[in-house]
Amino acid sequence: MNILYLECAMGAAGDMLMGALYELYPEKERFLEKMNSLLPGVSAEAQRTARQGIAGTHMRVVVHGQEEGHGHSHDHDHHHHEHRSLHDIEHIISHFDLPEPVCRRAREVYALIAQAESRAHGVPVGEVHFHEVGALDAVMDVAGVCYLMYLLAPDKVMASPVNFGGGTVRSAHGALPVPAPATAFLLEGVPSYGGDIRSELCTPTGAALLRTFARS
């Protein structure tokens, strides 16, 4: 049996998971070419990096010349930002030139995020809006992880307990405790813990991807 194990001692985010899976896939250029054909003005590149002396891959997504942080952002203030609704995101994903199982999984991930945001903000799922650049950044992360899972085709995906970090995180709604409310909802029933690191280690996008793929 081909088992994929995700070690989440330093949390989980869309770009982190995509970078880890990218390292396992042998046809790296093929993957990047496909990802860079999905959305005009949006590109993904794999950058070699090192943390604590250990080499790894940072997946950098650039949206119309801007690089967002990992994860996703959301906002309900229509006066200051352009937004995309869950319906808009699903429409974008449905038109990707990717196998249908990949698009279906990506829509499932976003549905989980929207449901968690709906609970966190007390609004219907249809009223959850994602900040435009952050949303496209996260769409690429989600699509990339779903596509790599499809290409690698593990028989089973397992994950360690998830470290969500600690302290606070800045959002469009101000400072929120870690885990952010949406992340906390997504991690319900998932073994998780906080620690001494005062940072958001697990994003809603990362939590939703883990919920979608990890079976134990």
C-alpha atoms as a PDB file:
ATOM      1  CA  MET A   1       0.000   0.000   0.000  1.00  0.00           C
ATOM      2  CA  ASN A   2       1.277   3.450  -0.967  1.00  0.00           C
ATOM      3  CA  ILE A   3       0.799   5.668   2.121  1.00  0.00           C
ATOM      4  CA  LEU A   4       1.371   9.436   2.123  1.00  0.00           C
ATOM      5  CA  TYR A   5       2.161  10.761   5.603  1.00  0.00           C
ATOM      6  CA  LEU A   6       1.911  14.490   6.355  1.00  0.00           C
ATOM      7  CA  GLU A   7       3.970  15.678   9.326  1.00  0.00           C
ATOM      8  CA  CYS A   8       2.189  18.757  10.688  1.00  0.00           C
ATOM      9  CA  ALA A   9       4.430  19.662  13.635  1.00  0.00           C
ATOM     10  CA  MET A  10       4.839  23.099  12.023  1.00  0.00           C
ATOM     11  CA  GLY A  11       1.217  23.397  10.973  1.00  0.00           C
ATOM     12  CA  ALA A  12      -0.285  23.313   7.505  1.00  0.00           C
ATOM     13  CA  ALA A  13      -0.995  25.869   4.804  1.00  0.00           C
ATOM     14  CA  GLY A  14      -1.793  25.599   1.136  1.00  0.00           C
ATOM     15  CA  ASP A  15       1.629  26.644  -0.098  1.00  0.00           C
ATOM     16  CA  MET A  16       3.362  24.393   2.460  1.00  0.00           C
ATOM     17  CA  LEU A  17       1.400  21.339   1.353  1.00  0.00           C
ATOM     18  CA  MET A  18       1.884  22.128  -2.327  1.00  0.00           C
ATOM     19  CA  GLY A  19       5.642  22.503  -1.828  1.00  0.00           C
ATOM     20  CA  ALA A  20       5.889  19.204   0.039  1.00  0.00           C
ATOM     21  CA  LEU A  21       3.891  17.287  -2.575  1.00  0.00           C
ATOM     22  CA  TYR A  22       5.775  19.007  -5.408  1.00  0.00           C
ATOM     23  CA  GLU A  23       9.024  17.568  -4.077  1.00  0.00           C
ATOM     24  CA  LEU A  24       7.563  14.059  -4.357  1.00  0.00           C
ATOM     25  CA  TYR A  25       6.406  14.423  -7.966  1.00  0.00           C
ATOM     26  CA  PRO A  26       9.104  13.554 -10.544  1.00  0.00           C
ATOM     27  CA  GLU A  27       7.767  15.585 -13.515  1.00  0.00           C
ATOM     28  CA  LYS A  28       8.144  18.981 -11.891  1.00  0.00           C
ATOM     29  CA  GLU A  29       8.274  21.101 -15.048  1.00  0.00           C
ATOM     30  CA  ARG A  30       5.129  19.447 -16.374  1.00  0.00           C
ATOM     31  CA  PHE A  31       3.301  20.317 -13.159  1.00  0.00           C
ATOM     32  CA  LEU A  32       4.443  23.963 -13.223  1.00  0.00           C
ATOM     33  CA  GLU A  33       3.547  24.370 -16.897  1.00  0.00           C
ATOM     34  CA  LYS A  34       0.024  23.139 -16.209  1.00  0.00           C
ATOM     35  CA  MET A  35      -0.394  25.370 -13.151  1.00  0.00           C
ATOM     36  CA  ASN A  36       0.820  28.417 -15.065  1.00  0.00           C
ATOM     37  CA  SER A  37      -1.741  27.846 -17.805  1.00  0.00           C
ATOM     38  CA  LEU A  38      -4.754  27.982 -15.483  1.00  0.00           C
ATOM     39  CA  LEU A  39      -5.285  31.709 -14.826  1.00  0.00           C
ATOM     40  CA  PRO A  40      -4.114  34.721 -16.883  1.00  0.00           C
ATOM     41  CA  GLY A  41      -1.816  36.931 -14.830  1.00  0.00           C
ATOM     42  CA  VAL A  42      -1.323  34.310 -12.119  1.00  0.00           C
ATOM     43  CA  SER A  43       1.887  32.301 -11.919  1.00  0.00           C
ATOM     44  CA  ALA A  44       3.393  29.692  -9.622  1.00  0.00           C
ATOM     45  CA  GLU A  45       7.082  29.024  -9.223  1.00  0.00           C
ATOM     46  CA  ALA A  46       9.078  26.674  -7.048  1.00  0.00           C
ATOM     47  CA  GLN A  47      11.875  28.382  -5.135  1.00  0.00           C
ATOM     48  CA  ARG A  48      14.590  26.460  -3.347  1.00  0.00           C
ATOM     49  CA  THR A  49      14.989  27.662   0.202  1.00  0.00           C
ATOM     50  CA  ALA A  50      16.458  26.579   3.527  1.00  0.00           C
ATOM     51  CA  ARG A  51      15.122  26.858   7.080  1.00  0.00           C
ATOM     52  CA  GLN A  52      17.234  25.911  10.082  1.00  0.00           C
ATOM     53  CA  GLY A  53      19.780  24.562   7.599  1.00  0.00           C
ATOM     54  CA  ILE A  54      17.284  22.184   5.967  1.00  0.00           C
ATOM     55  CA  ALA A  55      16.594  22.560   2.232  1.00  0.00           C
ATOM     56  CA  GLY A  56      13.052  22.683   0.941  1.00  0.00           C
ATOM     57  CA  THR A  57      10.718  24.226  -1.624  1.00  0.00           C
ATOM     58  CA  HIS A  58       8.723  27.425  -1.278  1.00  0.00           C
ATOM     59  CA  MET A  59       5.815  27.630  -3.732  1.00  0.00           C
ATOM     60  CA  ARG A  60       5.500  31.292  -4.713  1.00  0.00           C
ATOM     61  CA  VAL A  61       2.226  32.422  -6.290  1.00  0.00           C
ATOM     62  CA  VAL A  62       2.164  35.846  -7.944  1.00  0.00           C
ATOM     63  CA  VAL A  63      -1.176  37.454  -8.813  1.00  0.00           C
ATOM     64  CA  HIS A  64      -0.884  40.339 -11.263  1.00  0.00           C
ATOM     65  CA  GLY A  65       2.576  41.164  -9.918  1.00  0.00           C
ATOM     66  CA  GLN A  66       1.670  40.825  -6.229  1.00  0.00           C
ATOM     67  CA  GLU A  67       2.660  38.001  -3.912  1.00  0.00           C
ATOM     68  CA  GLU A  68       0.242  37.244  -1.117  1.00  0.00           C
ATOM     69  CA  GLY A  69       1.054  35.393   2.095  1.00  0.00           C
ATOM     70  CA  HIS A  70       0.037  31.761   2.391  1.00  0.00           C
ATOM     71  CA  GLY A  71      -3.527  30.797   3.109  1.00  0.00           C
ATOM     72  CA  HIS A  72      -6.440  33.034   2.180  1.00  0.00           C
ATOM     73  CA  SER A  73      -8.009  36.266   3.271  1.00  0.00           C
ATOM     74  CA  HIS A  74     -11.601  37.296   3.539  1.00  0.00           C
ATOM     75  CA  ASP A  75     -13.529  40.493   4.021  1.00  0.00           C
ATOM     76  CA  HIS A  76     -17.130  41.680   4.125  1.00  0.00           C
ATOM     77  CA  ASP A  77     -16.390  45.384   3.526  1.00  0.00           C
ATOM     78  CA  HIS A  78     -17.502  46.072  -0.037  1.00  0.00           C
ATOM     79  CA  HIS A  79     -16.230  49.654   0.069  1.00  0.00           C
ATOM     80  CA  HIS A  80     -12.511  48.930   0.278  1.00  0.00           C
ATOM     81  CA  HIS A  81     -11.868  45.658  -1.558  1.00  0.00           C
ATOM     82  CA  GLU A  82     -13.099  43.727  -4.524  1.00  0.00           C
ATOM     83  CA  HIS A  83     -14.459  40.328  -3.587  1.00  0.00           C
ATOM     84  CA  ARG A  84     -15.191  36.893  -4.942  1.00  0.00           C
ATOM     85  CA  SER A  85     -17.997  34.790  -3.543  1.00  0.00           C
ATOM     86  CA  LEU A  86     -17.926  31.014  -3.156  1.00  0.00           C
ATOM     87  CA  HIS A  87     -19.973  30.793  -6.369  1.00  0.00           C
ATOM     88  CA  ASP A  88     -17.332  32.894  -8.160  1.00  0.00           C
ATOM     89  CA  ILE A  89     -14.520  30.668  -6.872  1.00  0.00           C
ATOM     90  CA  GLU A  90     -16.368  27.507  -7.894  1.00  0.00           C
ATOM     91  CA  HIS A  91     -16.943  28.987 -11.354  1.00  0.00           C
ATOM     92  CA  ILE A  92     -13.216  29.685 -11.731  1.00  0.00           C
ATOM     93  CA  ILE A  93     -12.247  26.180 -10.602  1.00  0.00           C
ATOM     94  CA  SER A  94     -14.816  24.526 -12.882  1.00  0.00           C
ATOM     95  CA  HIS A  95     -13.164  26.117 -15.912  1.00  0.00           C
ATOM     96  CA  PHE A  96      -9.627  24.984 -15.066  1.00  0.00           C
ATOM     97  CA  ASP A  97      -7.983  22.726 -17.633  1.00  0.00           C
ATOM     98  CA  LEU A  98      -7.559  19.992 -15.033  1.00  0.00           C
ATOM     99  CA  PRO A  99      -9.076  16.505 -14.684  1.00  0.00           C
ATOM    100  CA  GLU A 100     -12.631  16.646 -13.331  1.00  0.00           C
ATOM    101  CA  PRO A 101     -11.743  14.743 -10.122  1.00  0.00           C
ATOM    102  CA  VAL A 102      -9.205  17.493  -9.355  1.00  0.00           C
ATOM    103  CA  CYS A 103     -11.726  20.285  -9.899  1.00  0.00           C
ATOM    104  CA  ARG A 104     -14.318  18.432  -7.820  1.00  0.00           C
ATOM    105  CA  ARG A 105     -11.890  18.064  -4.911  1.00  0.00           C
ATOM    106  CA  ALA A 106     -10.903  21.733  -5.131  1.00  0.00           C
ATOM    107  CA  ARG A 107     -14.555  22.775  -4.971  1.00  0.00           C
ATOM    108  CA  GLU A 108     -15.024  20.496  -1.938  1.00  0.00           C
ATOM    109  CA  VAL A 109     -12.109  22.202  -0.176  1.00  0.00           C
ATOM    110  CA  TYR A 110     -13.540  25.661  -0.829  1.00  0.00           C
ATOM    111  CA  ALA A 111     -16.993  24.553   0.311  1.00  0.00           C
ATOM    112  CA  LEU A 112     -15.451  23.516   3.652  1.00  0.00           C
ATOM    113  CA  ILE A 113     -13.697  26.884   4.000  1.00  0.00           C
ATOM    114  CA  ALA A 114     -16.888  28.794   3.182  1.00  0.00           C
ATOM    115  CA  GLN A 115     -18.901  26.745   5.692  1.00  0.00           C
ATOM    116  CA  ALA A 116     -16.339  27.479   8.411  1.00  0.00           C
ATOM    117  CA  GLU A 117     -16.275  31.199   7.555  1.00  0.00           C
ATOM    118  CA  SER A 118     -20.081  31.191   7.581  1.00  0.00           C
ATOM    119  CA  ARG A 119     -20.104  29.801  11.132  1.00  0.00           C
ATOM    120  CA  ALA A 120     -17.344  32.172  12.253  1.00  0.00           C
ATOM    121  CA  HIS A 121     -19.066  35.326  11.001  1.00  0.00           C
ATOM    122  CA  GLY A 122     -22.686  34.308  11.468  1.00  0.00           C
ATOM    123  CA  VAL A 123     -23.628  34.886   7.835  1.00  0.00           C
ATOM    124  CA  PRO A 124     -25.045  32.523   5.182  1.00  0.00           C
ATOM    125  CA  VAL A 125     -22.493  30.675   3.051  1.00  0.00           C
ATOM    126  CA  GLY A 126     -23.631  32.692   0.032  1.00  0.00           C
ATOM    127  CA  GLU A 127     -22.604  35.926   1.773  1.00  0.00           C
ATOM    128  CA  VAL A 128     -19.039  34.820   2.521  1.00  0.00           C
ATOM    129  CA  HIS A 129     -16.668  36.809   0.321  1.00  0.00           C
ATOM    130  CA  PHE A 130     -12.968  36.298  -0.310  1.00  0.00           C
ATOM    131  CA  HIS A 131     -10.579  39.183  -0.968  1.00  0.00           C
ATOM    132  CA  GLU A 132      -9.715  39.073  -4.664  1.00  0.00           C
ATOM    133  CA  VAL A 133      -5.925  38.706  -4.693  1.00  0.00           C
ATOM    134  CA  GLY A 134      -5.844  36.501  -1.605  1.00  0.00           C
ATOM    135  CA  ALA A 135      -8.583  34.332  -3.053  1.00  0.00           C
ATOM    136  CA  LEU A 136      -6.731  33.750  -6.330  1.00  0.00           C
ATOM    137  CA  ASP A 137      -3.555  32.971  -4.402  1.00  0.00           C
ATOM    138  CA  ALA A 138      -5.414  30.380  -2.323  1.00  0.00           C
ATOM    139  CA  VAL A 139      -7.226  29.001  -5.387  1.00  0.00           C
ATOM    140  CA  MET A 140      -3.847  28.206  -6.917  1.00  0.00           C
ATOM    141  CA  ASP A 141      -2.676  26.571  -3.677  1.00  0.00           C
ATOM    142  CA  VAL A 142      -5.831  24.469  -3.427  1.00  0.00           C
ATOM    143  CA  ALA A 143      -5.786  23.510  -7.102  1.00  0.00           C
ATOM    144  CA  GLY A 144      -2.084  22.656  -6.907  1.00  0.00           C
ATOM    145  CA  VAL A 145      -2.488  20.399  -3.877  1.00  0.00           C
ATOM    146  CA  CYS A 146      -5.535  18.664  -5.375  1.00  0.00           C
ATOM    147  CA  TYR A 147      -3.725  18.161  -8.692  1.00  0.00           C
ATOM    148  CA  LEU A 148      -0.599  16.755  -7.020  1.00  0.00           C
ATOM    149  CA  MET A 149      -2.702  14.400  -4.905  1.00  0.00           C
ATOM    150  CA  TYR A 150      -4.305  13.206  -8.153  1.00  0.00           C
ATOM    151  CA  LEU A 151      -0.923  12.749  -9.851  1.00  0.00           C
ATOM    152  CA  LEU A 152       0.716  11.008  -6.882  1.00  0.00           C
ATOM    153  CA  ALA A 153      -2.402   8.885  -6.270  1.00  0.00           C
ATOM    154  CA  PRO A 154      -1.568   7.585  -2.773  1.00  0.00           C
ATOM    155  CA  ASP A 155      -3.675   4.682  -1.529  1.00  0.00           C
ATOM    156  CA  LYS A 156      -4.069   6.393   1.837  1.00  0.00           C
ATOM    157  CA  VAL A 157      -3.230   9.793   3.341  1.00  0.00           C
ATOM    158  CA  MET A 158      -2.376  10.070   7.036  1.00  0.00           C
ATOM    159  CA  ALA A 159      -1.433  13.117   9.084  1.00  0.00           C
ATOM    160  CA  SER A 160       0.146  13.790  12.450  1.00  0.00           C
ATOM    161  CA  PRO A 161      -1.674  15.933  15.029  1.00  0.00           C
ATOM    162  CA  VAL A 162      -1.683  19.528  13.755  1.00  0.00           C
ATOM    163  CA  ASN A 163       0.209  22.313  15.508  1.00  0.00           C
ATOM    164  CA  PHE A 164      -1.881  25.448  15.020  1.00  0.00           C
ATOM    165  CA  GLY A 165       0.539  27.801  16.782  1.00  0.00           C
ATOM    166  CA  GLY A 166      -0.466  30.516  19.225  1.00  0.00           C
ATOM    167  CA  GLY A 167      -0.860  34.220  19.833  1.00  0.00           C
ATOM    168  CA  THR A 168      -2.875  36.301  17.394  1.00  0.00           C
ATOM    169  CA  VAL A 169      -3.136  36.747  13.636  1.00  0.00           C
ATOM    170  CA  ARG A 170      -4.024  39.903  11.719  1.00  0.00           C
ATOM    171  CA  SER A 171      -7.050  39.763   9.437  1.00  0.00           C
ATOM    172  CA  ALA A 172      -9.393  42.109   7.629  1.00  0.00           C
ATOM    173  CA  HIS A 173     -11.467  42.033  10.818  1.00  0.00           C
ATOM    174  CA  GLY A 174      -8.566  42.981  13.105  1.00  0.00           C
ATOM    175  CA  ALA A 175      -6.524  40.777  15.441  1.00  0.00           C
ATOM    176  CA  LEU A 176      -7.920  37.274  15.925  1.00  0.00           C
ATOM    177  CA  PRO A 177      -6.777  34.573  18.344  1.00  0.00           C
ATOM    178  CA  VAL A 178      -4.869  31.580  16.968  1.00  0.00           C
ATOM    179  CA  PRO A 179      -6.368  29.338  15.796  1.00  0.00           C
ATOM    180  CA  ALA A 180      -8.588  31.784  13.920  1.00  0.00           C
ATOM    181  CA  PRO A 181     -12.285  30.935  14.329  1.00  0.00           C
ATOM    182  CA  ALA A 182     -12.639  29.409  10.841  1.00  0.00           C
ATOM    183  CA  THR A 183      -9.537  27.272  11.414  1.00  0.00           C
ATOM    184  CA  ALA A 184     -10.860  26.139  14.784  1.00  0.00           C
ATOM    185  CA  PHE A 185     -14.124  25.027  13.175  1.00  0.00           C
ATOM    186  CA  LEU A 186     -12.246  23.150  10.436  1.00  0.00           C
ATOM    187  CA  LEU A 187     -10.094  21.381  13.046  1.00  0.00           C
ATOM    188  CA  GLU A 188     -13.074  20.122  15.061  1.00  0.00           C
ATOM    189  CA  GLY A 189     -12.492  16.415  15.645  1.00  0.00           C
ATOM    190  CA  VAL A 190      -8.939  16.644  14.261  1.00  0.00           C
ATOM    191  CA  PRO A 191      -6.096  16.007  16.753  1.00  0.00           C
ATOM    192  CA  SER A 192      -4.442  19.423  17.154  1.00  0.00           C
ATOM    193  CA  TYR A 193      -2.506  21.442  19.698  1.00  0.00           C
ATOM    194  CA  GLY A 194      -0.958  24.854  20.369  1.00  0.00           C
ATOM    195  CA  GLY A 195       2.565  25.629  21.415  1.00  0.00           C
ATOM    196  CA  ASP A 196       5.135  28.262  22.278  1.00  0.00           C
ATOM    197  CA  ILE A 197       5.386  29.602  18.711  1.00  0.00           C
ATOM    198  CA  ARG A 198       3.391  32.840  18.634  1.00  0.00           C
ATOM    199  CA  SER A 199       2.253  32.616  15.041  1.00  0.00           C
ATOM    200  CA  GLU A 200      -0.546  31.168  12.891  1.00  0.00           C
ATOM    201  CA  LEU A 201       0.903  27.837  11.766  1.00  0.00           C
ATOM    202  CA  CYS A 202      -2.302  26.312  10.398  1.00  0.00           C
ATOM    203  CA  THR A 203      -4.454  28.390   8.044  1.00  0.00           C
ATOM    204  CA  PRO A 204      -8.076  27.717   7.106  1.00  0.00           C
ATOM    205  CA  THR A 205      -6.872  26.598   3.665  1.00  0.00           C
ATOM    206  CA  GLY A 206      -4.395  24.150   5.195  1.00  0.00           C
ATOM    207  CA  ALA A 207      -6.985  22.825   7.642  1.00  0.00           C
ATOM    208  CA  ALA A 208      -9.550  22.341   4.860  1.00  0.00           C
ATOM    209  CA  LEU A 209      -7.029  20.459   2.708  1.00  0.00           C
ATOM    210  CA  LEU A 210      -6.147  18.163   5.623  1.00  0.00           C
ATOM    211  CA  ARG A 211      -9.841  17.487   6.290  1.00  0.00           C
ATOM    212  CA  THR A 212     -10.381  16.655   2.628  1.00  0.00           C
ATOM    213  CA  PHE A 213      -7.480  14.263   2.106  1.00  0.00           C
ATOM    214  CA  ALA A 214      -6.280  12.817   5.425  1.00  0.00           C
ATOM    215  CA  ARG A 215      -8.251   9.735   6.434  1.00  0.00           C
ATOM    216  CA  SER A 216      -6.532   9.232   9.786  1.00  0.00           C
END
